[in-house]
Amino acid sequence: MSNKLRLGILASGGGTNLQAIIDRIQDGTLHAEIALILSNKPTAGALQRGRLAGIPTLCIDQQQYKNRLDFDRAMVAALNEARVELVVLAGFMRLISNEFLEAFPDRIMNIHPALLPAFSGLNAQQQALDHGTRITGCTVHFVDAGVDTGPIVVQAAVPVLQNDTLETLSARILRQEHRIYPEAIRLFAEGRLRLEGRRVLIDPPLENPDQTLLSPPLS
């Protein structure tokens, strides 16, 4: 395809998933361009990463708005002005309103550090440790009106080791996030994702999915 998919990245923190996307665009494996990086935090490291990469950045400070709806309308207006086609949440620590969802139907992605539907919400890595599960991981999903309840695009499994701490487990999950998030965006950019109810179908199906997305090395 000739035209690159225009991404709008929303981030509140350091932006390591953003960096993974930037790296894949720069090495040519992701046929997309980041039209805008938006943050609700003036000090977000993601904004600095964007500036270093020469990408347009904008902070819309939530403290400057009387309510959530006005804030979301400002975000939507900025994304539309940048002609964003896919909204990518990369550590964006705000819930998305229905008005935001309606502005980008089935065009908002998020990544969560667990194998949804298990361990949704905050502190997913600690939830996995506390539960004593043997396997956790990360999930890229489309965003809907619930919390981490949208249709699942791709997942990667990460074993929970006996001596894991929150820090060691989180770091291994994050490495897989950096691997599968750009891949999910690539599938969208290639027009290969199709929604049937709650299921996200990949056309054509992945070749050898065990070696691509679903089962990374045990690390």
C-alpha atoms as a PDB file:
ATOM      1  CA  MET A   1       0.000   0.000   0.000  1.00  0.00           C
ATOM      2  CA  SER A   2       1.250   3.450  -0.822  1.00  0.00           C
ATOM      3  CA  ASN A   3      -0.386   5.648   1.796  1.00  0.00           C
ATOM      4  CA  LYS A   4       0.938   5.229   5.299  1.00  0.00           C
ATOM      5  CA  LEU A   5      -1.507   4.704   8.158  1.00  0.00           C
ATOM      6  CA  ARG A   6      -1.676   7.876  10.243  1.00  0.00           C
ATOM      7  CA  LEU A   7      -1.334   7.132  13.961  1.00  0.00           C
ATOM      8  CA  GLY A   8      -2.249   9.252  16.943  1.00  0.00           C
ATOM      9  CA  ILE A   9      -0.373   8.077  20.041  1.00  0.00           C
ATOM     10  CA  LEU A  10      -1.789   8.919  23.480  1.00  0.00           C
ATOM     11  CA  ALA A  11       0.645   8.552  26.381  1.00  0.00           C
ATOM     12  CA  SER A  12       0.894   9.757  29.956  1.00  0.00           C
ATOM     13  CA  GLY A  13       4.279   8.377  30.952  1.00  0.00           C
ATOM     14  CA  GLY A  14       7.732   7.480  29.711  1.00  0.00           C
ATOM     15  CA  GLY A  15       6.602   6.150  26.359  1.00  0.00           C
ATOM     16  CA  THR A  16       8.536   2.898  25.936  1.00  0.00           C
ATOM     17  CA  ASN A  17       5.745   1.383  23.826  1.00  0.00           C
ATOM     18  CA  LEU A  18       5.755   4.575  21.790  1.00  0.00           C
ATOM     19  CA  GLN A  19       9.498   4.109  21.259  1.00  0.00           C
ATOM     20  CA  ALA A  20       8.955   0.539  20.069  1.00  0.00           C
ATOM     21  CA  ILE A  21       6.480   1.835  17.477  1.00  0.00           C
ATOM     22  CA  ILE A  22       8.881   4.591  16.389  1.00  0.00           C
ATOM     23  CA  ASP A  23      11.669   2.018  16.005  1.00  0.00           C
ATOM     24  CA  ARG A  24       9.530  -0.270  13.831  1.00  0.00           C
ATOM     25  CA  ILE A  25       8.502   2.639  11.623  1.00  0.00           C
ATOM     26  CA  GLN A  26      12.119   3.712  11.247  1.00  0.00           C
ATOM     27  CA  ASP A  27      13.373   0.233  10.348  1.00  0.00           C
ATOM     28  CA  GLY A  28      10.643  -0.141   7.734  1.00  0.00           C
ATOM     29  CA  THR A  29       8.754  -3.059   9.278  1.00  0.00           C
ATOM     30  CA  LEU A  30       5.713  -0.917  10.123  1.00  0.00           C
ATOM     31  CA  HIS A  31       4.194   0.985   7.190  1.00  0.00           C
ATOM     32  CA  ALA A  32       2.743   3.863   9.196  1.00  0.00           C
ATOM     33  CA  GLU A  33       3.525   7.362  10.359  1.00  0.00           C
ATOM     34  CA  ILE A  34       2.865   9.023  13.688  1.00  0.00           C
ATOM     35  CA  ALA A  35       0.804  12.097  12.888  1.00  0.00           C
ATOM     36  CA  LEU A  36       0.631  13.292  16.492  1.00  0.00           C
ATOM     37  CA  ILE A  37       1.736  12.345  19.999  1.00  0.00           C
ATOM     38  CA  LEU A  38      -0.730  13.592  22.591  1.00  0.00           C
ATOM     39  CA  SER A  39      -0.271  13.621  26.355  1.00  0.00           C
ATOM     40  CA  ASN A  40      -2.297  14.808  29.313  1.00  0.00           C
ATOM     41  CA  LYS A  41       0.915  15.299  31.316  1.00  0.00           C
ATOM     42  CA  PRO A  42       3.295  18.175  30.475  1.00  0.00           C
ATOM     43  CA  THR A  43       6.254  16.243  31.897  1.00  0.00           C
ATOM     44  CA  ALA A  44       5.538  12.957  30.090  1.00  0.00           C
ATOM     45  CA  GLY A  45       8.669  11.318  28.739  1.00  0.00           C
ATOM     46  CA  ALA A  46       6.687  10.335  25.653  1.00  0.00           C
ATOM     47  CA  LEU A  47       6.606  13.974  24.562  1.00  0.00           C
ATOM     48  CA  GLN A  48      10.391  14.151  24.739  1.00  0.00           C
ATOM     49  CA  ARG A  49      10.740  10.934  22.752  1.00  0.00           C
ATOM     50  CA  GLY A  50       8.496  12.443  20.095  1.00  0.00           C
ATOM     51  CA  ARG A  51      10.475  15.668  19.914  1.00  0.00           C
ATOM     52  CA  LEU A  52      13.734  13.737  19.550  1.00  0.00           C
ATOM     53  CA  ALA A  53      12.212  11.795  16.654  1.00  0.00           C
ATOM     54  CA  GLY A  54      10.893  14.927  14.955  1.00  0.00           C
ATOM     55  CA  ILE A  55       7.246  13.958  15.502  1.00  0.00           C
ATOM     56  CA  PRO A  56       4.530  16.559  16.220  1.00  0.00           C
ATOM     57  CA  THR A  57       3.661  16.584  19.916  1.00  0.00           C
ATOM     58  CA  LEU A  58       0.944  18.252  21.950  1.00  0.00           C
ATOM     59  CA  CYS A  59       0.064  18.360  25.632  1.00  0.00           C
ATOM     60  CA  ILE A  60      -3.579  18.885  26.492  1.00  0.00           C
ATOM     61  CA  ASP A  61      -3.416  19.334  30.247  1.00  0.00           C
ATOM     62  CA  GLN A  62      -6.463  17.806  31.905  1.00  0.00           C
ATOM     63  CA  GLN A  63      -6.123  20.290  34.751  1.00  0.00           C
ATOM     64  CA  GLN A  64      -7.134  23.078  32.370  1.00  0.00           C
ATOM     65  CA  TYR A  65     -10.591  21.593  31.721  1.00  0.00           C
ATOM     66  CA  LYS A  66     -13.643  21.746  33.929  1.00  0.00           C
ATOM     67  CA  ASN A  67     -14.785  18.223  33.131  1.00  0.00           C
ATOM     68  CA  ARG A  68     -13.827  15.015  31.368  1.00  0.00           C
ATOM     69  CA  LEU A  69     -16.095  15.637  28.384  1.00  0.00           C
ATOM     70  CA  ASP A  70     -14.503  18.973  27.504  1.00  0.00           C
ATOM     71  CA  PHE A  71     -11.069  17.394  27.838  1.00  0.00           C
ATOM     72  CA  ASP A  72     -12.013  14.502  25.552  1.00  0.00           C
ATOM     73  CA  ARG A  73     -13.505  16.876  22.988  1.00  0.00           C
ATOM     74  CA  ALA A  74     -10.219  18.774  22.888  1.00  0.00           C
ATOM     75  CA  MET A  75      -8.334  15.512  22.365  1.00  0.00           C
ATOM     76  CA  VAL A  76     -10.673  14.410  19.575  1.00  0.00           C
ATOM     77  CA  ALA A  77     -10.392  17.802  17.860  1.00  0.00           C
ATOM     78  CA  ALA A  78      -6.583  17.616  17.902  1.00  0.00           C
ATOM     79  CA  LEU A  79      -6.586  14.059  16.538  1.00  0.00           C
ATOM     80  CA  ASN A  80      -9.020  14.964  13.783  1.00  0.00           C
ATOM     81  CA  GLU A  81      -6.978  18.022  12.851  1.00  0.00           C
ATOM     82  CA  ALA A  82      -3.960  15.720  12.468  1.00  0.00           C
ATOM     83  CA  ARG A  83      -6.062  13.395  10.259  1.00  0.00           C
ATOM     84  CA  VAL A  84      -5.428  10.439  12.551  1.00  0.00           C
ATOM     85  CA  GLU A  85      -6.777   7.101  11.306  1.00  0.00           C
ATOM     86  CA  LEU A  86      -5.884   4.858  14.266  1.00  0.00           C
ATOM     87  CA  VAL A  87      -5.642   5.984  17.892  1.00  0.00           C
ATOM     88  CA  VAL A  88      -3.021   4.065  19.877  1.00  0.00           C
ATOM     89  CA  LEU A  89      -3.112   4.193  23.672  1.00  0.00           C
ATOM     90  CA  ALA A  90       0.421   3.712  24.984  1.00  0.00           C
ATOM     91  CA  GLY A  91       0.268   4.098  28.730  1.00  0.00           C
ATOM     92  CA  PHE A  92      -2.501   6.695  28.612  1.00  0.00           C
ATOM     93  CA  MET A  93      -3.796   6.905  32.172  1.00  0.00           C
ATOM     94  CA  ARG A  94      -7.277   8.218  31.462  1.00  0.00           C
ATOM     95  CA  LEU A  95     -10.548   6.450  30.773  1.00  0.00           C
ATOM     96  CA  ILE A  96     -11.990   7.073  27.321  1.00  0.00           C
ATOM     97  CA  SER A  97     -15.500   8.553  27.146  1.00  0.00           C
ATOM     98  CA  ASN A  98     -18.293   7.331  24.880  1.00  0.00           C
ATOM     99  CA  GLU A  99     -17.963  10.497  22.814  1.00  0.00           C
ATOM    100  CA  PHE A 100     -14.298   9.690  22.201  1.00  0.00           C
ATOM    101  CA  LEU A 101     -15.194   6.108  21.234  1.00  0.00           C
ATOM    102  CA  GLU A 102     -17.859   7.314  18.818  1.00  0.00           C
ATOM    103  CA  ALA A 103     -15.340   9.612  17.120  1.00  0.00           C
ATOM    104  CA  PHE A 104     -13.055   6.638  16.287  1.00  0.00           C
ATOM    105  CA  PRO A 105     -15.263   3.530  16.095  1.00  0.00           C
ATOM    106  CA  ASP A 106     -13.170   0.336  16.146  1.00  0.00           C
ATOM    107  CA  ARG A 107     -10.118   2.529  15.595  1.00  0.00           C
ATOM    108  CA  ILE A 108      -8.704   2.782  19.144  1.00  0.00           C
ATOM    109  CA  MET A 109      -6.165   0.228  20.353  1.00  0.00           C
ATOM    110  CA  ASN A 110      -4.761  -0.379  23.806  1.00  0.00           C
ATOM    111  CA  ILE A 111      -2.206  -2.732  25.317  1.00  0.00           C
ATOM    112  CA  HIS A 112      -2.663  -4.346  28.726  1.00  0.00           C
ATOM    113  CA  PRO A 113      -0.003  -6.225  30.751  1.00  0.00           C
ATOM    114  CA  ALA A 114      -1.979  -9.441  31.240  1.00  0.00           C
ATOM    115  CA  LEU A 115      -3.717 -12.129  29.224  1.00  0.00           C
ATOM    116  CA  LEU A 116      -7.199 -10.657  29.130  1.00  0.00           C
ATOM    117  CA  PRO A 117      -9.836 -11.318  30.283  1.00  0.00           C
ATOM    118  CA  ALA A 118      -7.696 -12.255  33.298  1.00  0.00           C
ATOM    119  CA  PHE A 119      -6.319  -9.494  35.546  1.00  0.00           C
ATOM    120  CA  SER A 120      -8.001  -6.483  34.003  1.00  0.00           C
ATOM    121  CA  GLY A 121      -7.700  -3.014  35.488  1.00  0.00           C
ATOM    122  CA  LEU A 122      -4.784  -1.575  37.425  1.00  0.00           C
ATOM    123  CA  ASN A 123      -1.734  -3.440  38.782  1.00  0.00           C
ATOM    124  CA  ALA A 124      -2.214  -6.440  36.497  1.00  0.00           C
ATOM    125  CA  GLN A 125       1.307  -7.754  37.085  1.00  0.00           C
ATOM    126  CA  GLN A 126       0.839  -7.716  40.853  1.00  0.00           C
ATOM    127  CA  GLN A 127      -2.556  -9.352  40.425  1.00  0.00           C
ATOM    128  CA  ALA A 128      -0.878 -12.217  38.551  1.00  0.00           C
ATOM    129  CA  LEU A 129       1.743 -12.649  41.270  1.00  0.00           C
ATOM    130  CA  ASP A 130      -0.824 -12.520  44.060  1.00  0.00           C
ATOM    131  CA  HIS A 131      -3.041 -15.068  42.309  1.00  0.00           C
ATOM    132  CA  GLY A 132      -0.160 -17.500  41.843  1.00  0.00           C
ATOM    133  CA  THR A 133      -0.759 -17.997  38.128  1.00  0.00           C
ATOM    134  CA  ARG A 134       1.926 -19.817  36.144  1.00  0.00           C
ATOM    135  CA  ILE A 135       1.351 -17.891  32.922  1.00  0.00           C
ATOM    136  CA  THR A 136       0.522 -14.241  32.285  1.00  0.00           C
ATOM    137  CA  GLY A 137       1.449 -11.957  29.420  1.00  0.00           C
ATOM    138  CA  CYS A 138       0.083  -8.996  27.466  1.00  0.00           C
ATOM    139  CA  THR A 139      -2.862  -8.246  25.208  1.00  0.00           C
ATOM    140  CA  VAL A 140      -3.511  -5.762  22.417  1.00  0.00           C
ATOM    141  CA  HIS A 141      -7.227  -5.061  22.140  1.00  0.00           C
ATOM    142  CA  PHE A 142      -9.658  -2.635  20.608  1.00  0.00           C
ATOM    143  CA  VAL A 143     -11.108  -0.232  23.158  1.00  0.00           C
ATOM    144  CA  ASP A 144     -14.785  -0.317  24.061  1.00  0.00           C
ATOM    145  CA  ALA A 145     -16.842   1.272  26.835  1.00  0.00           C
ATOM    146  CA  GLY A 146     -15.596  -1.163  29.490  1.00  0.00           C
ATOM    147  CA  VAL A 147     -12.256  -1.393  31.275  1.00  0.00           C
ATOM    148  CA  ASP A 148      -9.977  -3.716  29.287  1.00  0.00           C
ATOM    149  CA  THR A 149     -13.011  -5.504  27.843  1.00  0.00           C
ATOM    150  CA  GLY A 150     -12.668  -4.776  24.112  1.00  0.00           C
ATOM    151  CA  PRO A 151     -12.111  -7.363  21.354  1.00  0.00           C
ATOM    152  CA  ILE A 152      -8.675  -8.993  21.535  1.00  0.00           C
ATOM    153  CA  VAL A 153      -6.305  -8.505  18.585  1.00  0.00           C
ATOM    154  CA  VAL A 154      -3.133 -10.377  19.639  1.00  0.00           C
ATOM    155  CA  GLN A 155      -1.622 -11.741  22.836  1.00  0.00           C
ATOM    156  CA  ALA A 156       1.761 -12.978  24.036  1.00  0.00           C
ATOM    157  CA  ALA A 157       2.303 -15.380  26.912  1.00  0.00           C
ATOM    158  CA  VAL A 158       4.933 -14.793  29.601  1.00  0.00           C
ATOM    159  CA  PRO A 159       5.714 -17.425  32.264  1.00  0.00           C
ATOM    160  CA  VAL A 160       5.640 -16.397  35.906  1.00  0.00           C
ATOM    161  CA  LEU A 161       8.855 -17.690  37.450  1.00  0.00           C
ATOM    162  CA  GLN A 162       9.065 -18.901  41.026  1.00  0.00           C
ATOM    163  CA  ASN A 163      11.482 -16.158  42.076  1.00  0.00           C
ATOM    164  CA  ASP A 164       9.736 -13.349  40.177  1.00  0.00           C
ATOM    165  CA  THR A 165       9.229  -9.966  41.763  1.00  0.00           C
ATOM    166  CA  LEU A 166       6.908  -7.277  40.486  1.00  0.00           C
ATOM    167  CA  GLU A 167       9.893  -5.613  38.831  1.00  0.00           C
ATOM    168  CA  THR A 168      11.277  -8.707  37.074  1.00  0.00           C
ATOM    169  CA  LEU A 169       7.886  -9.900  35.848  1.00  0.00           C
ATOM    170  CA  SER A 170       6.882  -6.424  34.669  1.00  0.00           C
ATOM    171  CA  ALA A 171      10.136  -6.081  32.726  1.00  0.00           C
ATOM    172  CA  ARG A 172       9.628  -9.384  30.882  1.00  0.00           C
ATOM    173  CA  ILE A 173       6.029  -8.544  30.060  1.00  0.00           C
ATOM    174  CA  LEU A 174       7.110  -5.126  28.789  1.00  0.00           C
ATOM    175  CA  ARG A 175       9.564  -6.725  26.347  1.00  0.00           C
ATOM    176  CA  GLN A 176       6.668  -8.655  24.835  1.00  0.00           C
ATOM    177  CA  GLU A 177       4.507  -5.516  24.722  1.00  0.00           C
ATOM    178  CA  HIS A 178       7.213  -3.859  22.633  1.00  0.00           C
ATOM    179  CA  ARG A 179       7.095  -6.849  20.273  1.00  0.00           C
ATOM    180  CA  ILE A 180       3.371  -7.351  19.745  1.00  0.00           C
ATOM    181  CA  TYR A 181       2.020  -3.775  19.785  1.00  0.00           C
ATOM    182  CA  PRO A 182       3.762  -2.724  16.550  1.00  0.00           C
ATOM    183  CA  GLU A 183       2.729  -6.063  15.048  1.00  0.00           C
ATOM    184  CA  ALA A 184      -0.948  -5.452  15.859  1.00  0.00           C
ATOM    185  CA  ILE A 185      -0.709  -1.993  14.297  1.00  0.00           C
ATOM    186  CA  ARG A 186       0.933  -3.524  11.230  1.00  0.00           C
ATOM    187  CA  LEU A 187      -1.984  -5.946  10.810  1.00  0.00           C
ATOM    188  CA  PHE A 188      -4.411  -3.018  11.025  1.00  0.00           C
ATOM    189  CA  ALA A 189      -2.359  -0.986   8.549  1.00  0.00           C
ATOM    190  CA  GLU A 190      -2.437  -3.881   6.086  1.00  0.00           C
ATOM    191  CA  GLY A 191      -6.235  -4.125   6.365  1.00  0.00           C
ATOM    192  CA  ARG A 192      -6.015  -7.636   7.783  1.00  0.00           C
ATOM    193  CA  LEU A 193      -8.183  -7.201  10.887  1.00  0.00           C
ATOM    194  CA  ARG A 194     -11.908  -7.929  10.700  1.00  0.00           C
ATOM    195  CA  LEU A 195     -14.379  -7.752  13.575  1.00  0.00           C
ATOM    196  CA  GLU A 196     -17.082 -10.402  13.907  1.00  0.00           C
ATOM    197  CA  GLY A 197     -18.927  -9.661  17.112  1.00  0.00           C
ATOM    198  CA  ARG A 198     -16.293  -9.900  19.836  1.00  0.00           C
ATOM    199  CA  ARG A 199     -13.825 -11.807  17.662  1.00  0.00           C
ATOM    200  CA  VAL A 200     -11.027 -10.149  15.728  1.00  0.00           C
ATOM    201  CA  LEU A 201     -10.233 -12.236  12.664  1.00  0.00           C
ATOM    202  CA  ILE A 202      -6.915 -11.928  10.822  1.00  0.00           C
ATOM    203  CA  ASP A 203      -7.127 -12.273   7.020  1.00  0.00           C
ATOM    204  CA  PRO A 204      -5.162 -14.113   5.863  1.00  0.00           C
ATOM    205  CA  PRO A 205      -4.404 -15.979   9.098  1.00  0.00           C
ATOM    206  CA  LEU A 206      -0.925 -15.689  10.548  1.00  0.00           C
ATOM    207  CA  GLU A 207       1.589 -18.225   9.339  1.00  0.00           C
ATOM    208  CA  ASN A 208       3.152 -20.170  12.209  1.00  0.00           C
ATOM    209  CA  PRO A 209       1.513 -18.040  14.921  1.00  0.00           C
ATOM    210  CA  ASP A 210       3.441 -19.964  17.582  1.00  0.00           C
ATOM    211  CA  GLN A 211       6.618 -18.353  16.269  1.00  0.00           C
ATOM    212  CA  THR A 212       5.179 -14.874  15.703  1.00  0.00           C
ATOM    213  CA  LEU A 213       2.821 -13.602  18.344  1.00  0.00           C
ATOM    214  CA  LEU A 214       1.290 -16.145  20.643  1.00  0.00           C
ATOM    215  CA  SER A 215       4.233 -18.011  22.158  1.00  0.00           C
ATOM    216  CA  PRO A 216       7.456 -16.041  22.566  1.00  0.00           C
ATOM    217  CA  PRO A 217      10.620 -17.616  23.965  1.00  0.00           C
ATOM    218  CA  LEU A 218      10.458 -18.348  27.690  1.00  0.00           C
ATOM    219  CA  SER A 219      12.336 -15.253  28.848  1.00  0.00           C
END
